[in-house]
Amino acid sequence: MNIELSNYNKHLVFEAKNQTGYSLLVGQTVDHTQVNAIRPMELMLVSLASCSSIDVVKILNKQKVFDFEYNVSIDASREEDQIPSIFKEITITYSFDGEISSNKVKKATNLALEKYCSVAKIIEQTAKIKYKVVLNKEEI
């Protein structure tokens, strides 16, 4: 695994590029009219959401569940007035729509966070990770 990071605009925005050439802008803008970029701590939440989602979908697919709508939202709080300001609590909401068993959804999300997601295992060492599962607009 290799990531290259280069200065994008001679300020606090950088272009991160992986070994296949995919890139994204990461950083902090001084003035919000400049280049839009995802902030590094937001990128950690993206990593948590995407890592656990890959596991959730793989687990559901192994259970022969393929036809469903899916999205994730994350709310996080950080240590205030601290340097570094690390996450203290993260709440993930996994939302599913479709003809899918609540038991399968619960099993997939639980296994993803408790066993398989490497990003969750790293973050849970310093922050409390909670999650909710919503199936067809109802929390289960």
C-alpha atoms as a PDB file:
ATOM      1  CA  MET A   1       0.000   0.000   0.000  1.00  0.00           C
ATOM      2  CA  ASN A   2       1.375   3.383  -0.973  1.00  0.00           C
ATOM      3  CA  ILE A   3       0.032   6.939  -0.723  1.00  0.00           C
ATOM      4  CA  GLU A   4       1.700  10.019  -2.183  1.00  0.00           C
ATOM      5  CA  LEU A   5       0.791  13.437  -0.796  1.00  0.00           C
ATOM      6  CA  SER A   6       1.714  16.674  -2.543  1.00  0.00           C
ATOM      7  CA  ASN A   7       0.942  20.318  -1.923  1.00  0.00           C
ATOM      8  CA  TYR A   8      -2.046  21.311  -4.027  1.00  0.00           C
ATOM      9  CA  ASN A   9      -2.289  25.071  -3.729  1.00  0.00           C
ATOM     10  CA  LYS A  10       0.731  26.161  -1.701  1.00  0.00           C
ATOM     11  CA  HIS A  11      -1.485  26.478   1.363  1.00  0.00           C
ATOM     12  CA  LEU A  12      -3.125  23.853   3.580  1.00  0.00           C
ATOM     13  CA  VAL A  13      -4.667  21.689   0.851  1.00  0.00           C
ATOM     14  CA  PHE A  14      -2.930  18.568  -0.422  1.00  0.00           C
ATOM     15  CA  GLU A  15      -3.584  16.026  -3.131  1.00  0.00           C
ATOM     16  CA  ALA A  16      -3.431  12.460  -1.871  1.00  0.00           C
ATOM     17  CA  LYS A  17      -2.905   9.837  -4.555  1.00  0.00           C
ATOM     18  CA  ASN A  18      -2.928   6.067  -4.216  1.00  0.00           C
ATOM     19  CA  GLN A  19      -0.860   3.597  -6.221  1.00  0.00           C
ATOM     20  CA  THR A  20      -3.562   3.235  -8.891  1.00  0.00           C
ATOM     21  CA  GLY A  21      -3.620   6.987  -9.499  1.00  0.00           C
ATOM     22  CA  TYR A  22      -6.911   7.807  -7.763  1.00  0.00           C
ATOM     23  CA  SER A  23      -6.689  11.109  -5.943  1.00  0.00           C
ATOM     24  CA  LEU A  24      -8.601  13.347  -3.560  1.00  0.00           C
ATOM     25  CA  LEU A  25      -8.016  16.679  -1.915  1.00  0.00           C
ATOM     26  CA  VAL A  26      -7.348  16.710   1.807  1.00  0.00           C
ATOM     27  CA  GLY A  27      -6.657  19.632   4.047  1.00  0.00           C
ATOM     28  CA  GLN A  28      -7.934  22.734   5.660  1.00  0.00           C
ATOM     29  CA  THR A  29      -8.759  25.956   3.894  1.00  0.00           C
ATOM     30  CA  VAL A  30      -8.181  29.265   5.572  1.00  0.00           C
ATOM     31  CA  ASP A  31     -11.027  30.865   3.667  1.00  0.00           C
ATOM     32  CA  HIS A  32     -14.015  28.789   2.627  1.00  0.00           C
ATOM     33  CA  THR A  33     -14.045  30.242  -0.892  1.00  0.00           C
ATOM     34  CA  GLN A  34     -10.862  28.363  -1.757  1.00  0.00           C
ATOM     35  CA  VAL A  35     -10.604  24.789  -2.973  1.00  0.00           C
ATOM     36  CA  ASN A  36     -13.003  22.396  -1.284  1.00  0.00           C
ATOM     37  CA  ALA A  37     -11.243  19.557   0.462  1.00  0.00           C
ATOM     38  CA  ILE A  38     -12.111  16.919   3.019  1.00  0.00           C
ATOM     39  CA  ARG A  39     -10.465  17.499   6.375  1.00  0.00           C
ATOM     40  CA  PRO A  40      -8.173  14.788   7.790  1.00  0.00           C
ATOM     41  CA  MET A  41     -10.475  13.915  10.718  1.00  0.00           C
ATOM     42  CA  GLU A  42     -13.445  13.723   8.344  1.00  0.00           C
ATOM     43  CA  LEU A  43     -11.376  11.380   6.214  1.00  0.00           C
ATOM     44  CA  MET A  44     -11.019   9.089   9.236  1.00  0.00           C
ATOM     45  CA  LEU A  45     -14.820   8.945   9.481  1.00  0.00           C
ATOM     46  CA  VAL A  46     -15.042   8.223   5.750  1.00  0.00           C
ATOM     47  CA  SER A  47     -12.558   5.396   6.319  1.00  0.00           C
ATOM     48  CA  LEU A  48     -14.648   3.993   9.164  1.00  0.00           C
ATOM     49  CA  ALA A  49     -17.887   4.199   7.170  1.00  0.00           C
ATOM     50  CA  SER A  50     -16.416   2.680   4.027  1.00  0.00           C
ATOM     51  CA  CYS A  51     -14.383  -0.047   5.755  1.00  0.00           C
ATOM     52  CA  SER A  52     -17.337  -1.250   7.795  1.00  0.00           C
ATOM     53  CA  SER A  53     -19.666  -0.930   4.774  1.00  0.00           C
ATOM     54  CA  ILE A  54     -17.455  -3.140   2.645  1.00  0.00           C
ATOM     55  CA  ASP A  55     -17.654  -5.771   5.375  1.00  0.00           C
ATOM     56  CA  VAL A  56     -21.431  -5.356   5.855  1.00  0.00           C
ATOM     57  CA  VAL A  57     -22.145  -5.785   2.138  1.00  0.00           C
ATOM     58  CA  LYS A  58     -19.759  -8.738   1.791  1.00  0.00           C
ATOM     59  CA  ILE A  59     -21.397 -10.489   4.743  1.00  0.00           C
ATOM     60  CA  LEU A  60     -24.889  -9.877   3.371  1.00  0.00           C
ATOM     61  CA  ASN A  61     -23.827 -11.102  -0.061  1.00  0.00           C
ATOM     62  CA  LYS A  62     -22.476 -14.306   1.512  1.00  0.00           C
ATOM     63  CA  GLN A  63     -25.936 -14.705   3.062  1.00  0.00           C
ATOM     64  CA  LYS A  64     -27.394 -14.431  -0.489  1.00  0.00           C
ATOM     65  CA  VAL A  65     -28.764 -10.920   0.144  1.00  0.00           C
ATOM     66  CA  PHE A  66     -28.106  -8.698  -2.868  1.00  0.00           C
ATOM     67  CA  ASP A  67     -31.097  -6.467  -3.576  1.00  0.00           C
ATOM     68  CA  PHE A  68     -31.248  -3.619  -1.060  1.00  0.00           C
ATOM     69  CA  GLU A  69     -30.590   0.107  -0.727  1.00  0.00           C
ATOM     70  CA  TYR A  70     -27.954   1.071   1.798  1.00  0.00           C
ATOM     71  CA  ASN A  71     -26.372   4.162   3.300  1.00  0.00           C
ATOM     72  CA  VAL A  72     -24.397   5.165   6.361  1.00  0.00           C
ATOM     73  CA  SER A  73     -24.215   8.361   8.360  1.00  0.00           C
ATOM     74  CA  ILE A  74     -21.778   9.172  11.131  1.00  0.00           C
ATOM     75  CA  ASP A  75     -21.920  11.725  13.913  1.00  0.00           C
ATOM     76  CA  ALA A  76     -18.796  12.245  15.945  1.00  0.00           C
ATOM     77  CA  SER A  77     -17.620  14.390  18.817  1.00  0.00           C
ATOM     78  CA  ARG A  78     -14.048  15.306  19.580  1.00  0.00           C
ATOM     79  CA  GLU A  79     -12.200  16.293  22.720  1.00  0.00           C
ATOM     80  CA  GLU A  80     -12.767  20.032  23.051  1.00  0.00           C
ATOM     81  CA  ASP A  81      -9.911  22.380  23.891  1.00  0.00           C
ATOM     82  CA  GLN A  82      -7.392  19.542  23.548  1.00  0.00           C
ATOM     83  CA  ILE A  83      -4.392  19.182  21.315  1.00  0.00           C
ATOM     84  CA  PRO A  84      -4.575  16.742  19.716  1.00  0.00           C
ATOM     85  CA  SER A  85      -8.371  16.839  19.533  1.00  0.00           C
ATOM     86  CA  ILE A  86      -9.166  13.146  19.122  1.00  0.00           C
ATOM     87  CA  PHE A  87     -12.583  11.573  18.720  1.00  0.00           C
ATOM     88  CA  LYS A  88     -14.298  10.745  21.993  1.00  0.00           C
ATOM     89  CA  GLU A  89     -17.558   9.276  20.675  1.00  0.00           C
ATOM     90  CA  ILE A  90     -18.725   8.157  17.249  1.00  0.00           C
ATOM     91  CA  THR A  91     -22.260   7.054  16.369  1.00  0.00           C
ATOM     92  CA  ILE A  92     -22.777   5.223  13.098  1.00  0.00           C
ATOM     93  CA  THR A  93     -26.241   4.761  11.597  1.00  0.00           C
ATOM     94  CA  TYR A  94     -26.542   1.960   9.058  1.00  0.00           C
ATOM     95  CA  SER A  95     -29.745   2.303   7.013  1.00  0.00           C
ATOM     96  CA  PHE A  96     -31.177  -0.428   4.812  1.00  0.00           C
ATOM     97  CA  ASP A  97     -34.251  -0.470   2.592  1.00  0.00           C
ATOM     98  CA  GLY A  98     -35.642  -3.545   0.906  1.00  0.00           C
ATOM     99  CA  GLU A  99     -36.841  -7.071   1.517  1.00  0.00           C
ATOM    100  CA  ILE A 100     -34.150  -8.103   3.947  1.00  0.00           C
ATOM    101  CA  SER A 101     -34.216  -9.978   7.231  1.00  0.00           C
ATOM    102  CA  SER A 102     -33.588  -7.887  10.338  1.00  0.00           C
ATOM    103  CA  ASN A 103     -31.532 -10.772  11.763  1.00  0.00           C
ATOM    104  CA  LYS A 104     -29.232 -10.767   8.730  1.00  0.00           C
ATOM    105  CA  VAL A 105     -28.783  -6.991   8.891  1.00  0.00           C
ATOM    106  CA  LYS A 106     -28.023  -7.084  12.622  1.00  0.00           C
ATOM    107  CA  LYS A 107     -25.574  -9.945  12.178  1.00  0.00           C
ATOM    108  CA  ALA A 108     -23.772  -8.222   9.296  1.00  0.00           C
ATOM    109  CA  THR A 109     -23.361  -4.886  11.081  1.00  0.00           C
ATOM    110  CA  ASN A 110     -22.293  -6.525  14.324  1.00  0.00           C
ATOM    111  CA  LEU A 111     -19.689  -8.727  12.638  1.00  0.00           C
ATOM    112  CA  ALA A 112     -18.376  -5.825  10.574  1.00  0.00           C
ATOM    113  CA  LEU A 113     -17.729  -3.615  13.597  1.00  0.00           C
ATOM    114  CA  GLU A 114     -16.856  -6.213  16.204  1.00  0.00           C
ATOM    115  CA  LYS A 115     -14.687  -8.519  14.123  1.00  0.00           C
ATOM    116  CA  TYR A 116     -13.719  -7.461  10.606  1.00  0.00           C
ATOM    117  CA  CYS A 117     -13.344  -3.690  10.157  1.00  0.00           C
ATOM    118  CA  SER A 118      -9.682  -2.784  10.671  1.00  0.00           C
ATOM    119  CA  VAL A 119     -10.428   0.925  10.863  1.00  0.00           C
ATOM    120  CA  ALA A 120     -12.946   0.376  13.676  1.00  0.00           C
ATOM    121  CA  LYS A 121     -10.388  -1.677  15.580  1.00  0.00           C
ATOM    122  CA  ILE A 122      -7.899   1.195  15.372  1.00  0.00           C
ATOM    123  CA  ILE A 123     -10.351   3.960  16.285  1.00  0.00           C
ATOM    124  CA  GLU A 124     -11.994   2.065  19.161  1.00  0.00           C
ATOM    125  CA  GLN A 125      -8.719   2.221  21.066  1.00  0.00           C
ATOM    126  CA  THR A 126      -9.322   5.920  21.739  1.00  0.00           C
ATOM    127  CA  ALA A 127     -13.026   6.549  21.041  1.00  0.00           C
ATOM    128  CA  LYS A 128     -16.319   4.904  21.909  1.00  0.00           C
ATOM    129  CA  ILE A 129     -18.037   3.619  18.763  1.00  0.00           C
ATOM    130  CA  LYS A 130     -21.795   3.122  18.945  1.00  0.00           C
ATOM    131  CA  TYR A 131     -24.068   2.121  16.114  1.00  0.00           C
ATOM    132  CA  LYS A 132     -27.713   1.980  15.141  1.00  0.00           C
ATOM    133  CA  VAL A 133     -29.380  -0.100  12.473  1.00  0.00           C
ATOM    134  CA  VAL A 134     -32.388   1.202  10.574  1.00  0.00           C
ATOM    135  CA  LEU A 135     -34.380  -1.147   8.355  1.00  0.00           C
ATOM    136  CA  ASN A 136     -37.106   0.266   6.118  1.00  0.00           C
ATOM    137  CA  LYS A 137     -37.127   3.535   8.105  1.00  0.00           C
ATOM    138  CA  GLU A 138     -37.456   1.832  11.521  1.00  0.00           C
ATOM    139  CA  GLU A 139     -34.657   1.414  14.031  1.00  0.00           C
ATOM    140  CA  ILE A 140     -34.151  -2.233  14.949  1.00  0.00           C
END
